[in-house]
Protein backbone atom coordinates (compact mmCIF):
# COMPACT_ATOMS: atom_id res chain seq x y z
CA MET A 1 89.00 100.10 109.85
CA ARG A 2 91.23 103.07 110.63
CA THR A 3 89.61 106.47 110.97
CA TYR A 4 90.77 109.21 108.59
CA ASN A 5 90.40 112.96 108.38
CA LEU A 6 89.48 113.83 104.81
CA PHE A 7 90.60 116.97 103.03
CA ARG A 8 89.30 118.05 99.61
CA ARG A 9 91.50 119.95 97.18
CA LYS A 10 89.99 123.37 96.41
CA GLY A 11 89.13 123.67 92.73
CA GLU A 12 89.28 119.89 92.29
CA ALA A 13 86.24 118.55 94.11
CA ASP A 14 87.14 114.94 93.36
CA LEU A 15 90.70 115.00 94.78
CA PHE A 16 90.99 113.96 98.44
CA CYS A 17 93.77 113.53 100.94
CA ALA A 18 92.97 111.03 103.70
CA VAL A 19 95.08 111.42 106.84
CA PRO A 20 94.80 108.96 109.72
CA GLN A 21 93.44 110.70 112.81
CA ASP A 22 96.50 109.77 114.83
CA VAL A 23 98.95 111.22 112.27
CA PRO A 24 99.82 114.93 111.84
CA VAL A 25 98.37 116.60 108.74
CA PRO A 26 101.09 116.89 106.04
CA ASN A 27 102.58 120.33 105.42
CA PHE A 28 101.24 120.49 101.86
CA VAL A 29 97.65 120.38 103.15
CA THR A 30 97.14 124.09 103.77
CA ALA A 31 94.01 126.20 104.13
CA ASP A 32 94.96 127.98 100.89
CA ASN A 33 94.66 124.82 98.79
CA TRP A 34 92.67 122.29 100.83
CA GLU A 35 89.50 122.29 102.87
CA TYR A 36 88.41 119.88 105.55
CA ALA A 37 85.75 117.65 104.07
CA ARG A 38 82.80 117.12 106.33
CA PRO A 39 82.71 113.64 107.81
CA LEU A 40 82.01 111.23 105.00
CA ASP A 41 81.50 107.51 104.74
CA ILE A 42 84.85 106.79 103.11
CA GLU A 43 83.79 103.31 102.11
CA ALA A 44 81.02 104.88 100.02
CA LEU A 45 83.46 107.09 98.15
CA SER A 46 84.44 105.79 94.76
CA GLY A 47 88.20 105.60 94.57
CA PHE A 48 88.81 104.93 98.27
CA ASP A 49 90.75 101.70 98.64
CA ALA A 50 91.18 100.87 102.34
CA THR A 51 94.09 98.51 101.67
CA ALA A 52 95.93 101.10 99.56
CA ALA A 53 95.11 103.80 102.13
CA GLN A 54 96.62 101.73 104.92
CA ALA A 55 99.80 101.03 102.91
CA SER A 56 100.14 104.65 101.79
CA ALA A 57 99.51 106.00 105.30
CA ALA A 58 102.15 103.64 106.71
CA ALA A 59 104.71 104.79 104.13
CA ASN A 60 103.76 108.46 103.68
CA GLY A 61 101.35 109.44 106.45
CA PHE A 62 98.50 110.12 103.99
CA TYR A 63 96.56 108.70 101.04
CA LEU A 64 95.70 110.76 97.94
CA PHE A 65 92.83 109.57 95.77
CA HIS A 66 90.22 110.69 93.26
CA SER A 67 86.55 110.06 93.85
CA ALA A 68 83.99 109.75 91.09
CA SER A 69 81.08 110.30 93.51
């Protein structure tokens, strides 16, 4: 499985942006609106779909998702 850096949207604790470690962080992920989420087991996060993340990262360079946990 690919390794991702996770960022959490400030003010929306359940909104994440997963960025593959070997890809630059997108410009919209700024310190004003996002915070680096401590290392998490992404497979344990509700809403993380590894297949969708891989497809989204290939097309966009990131994967946005909501987590219920």
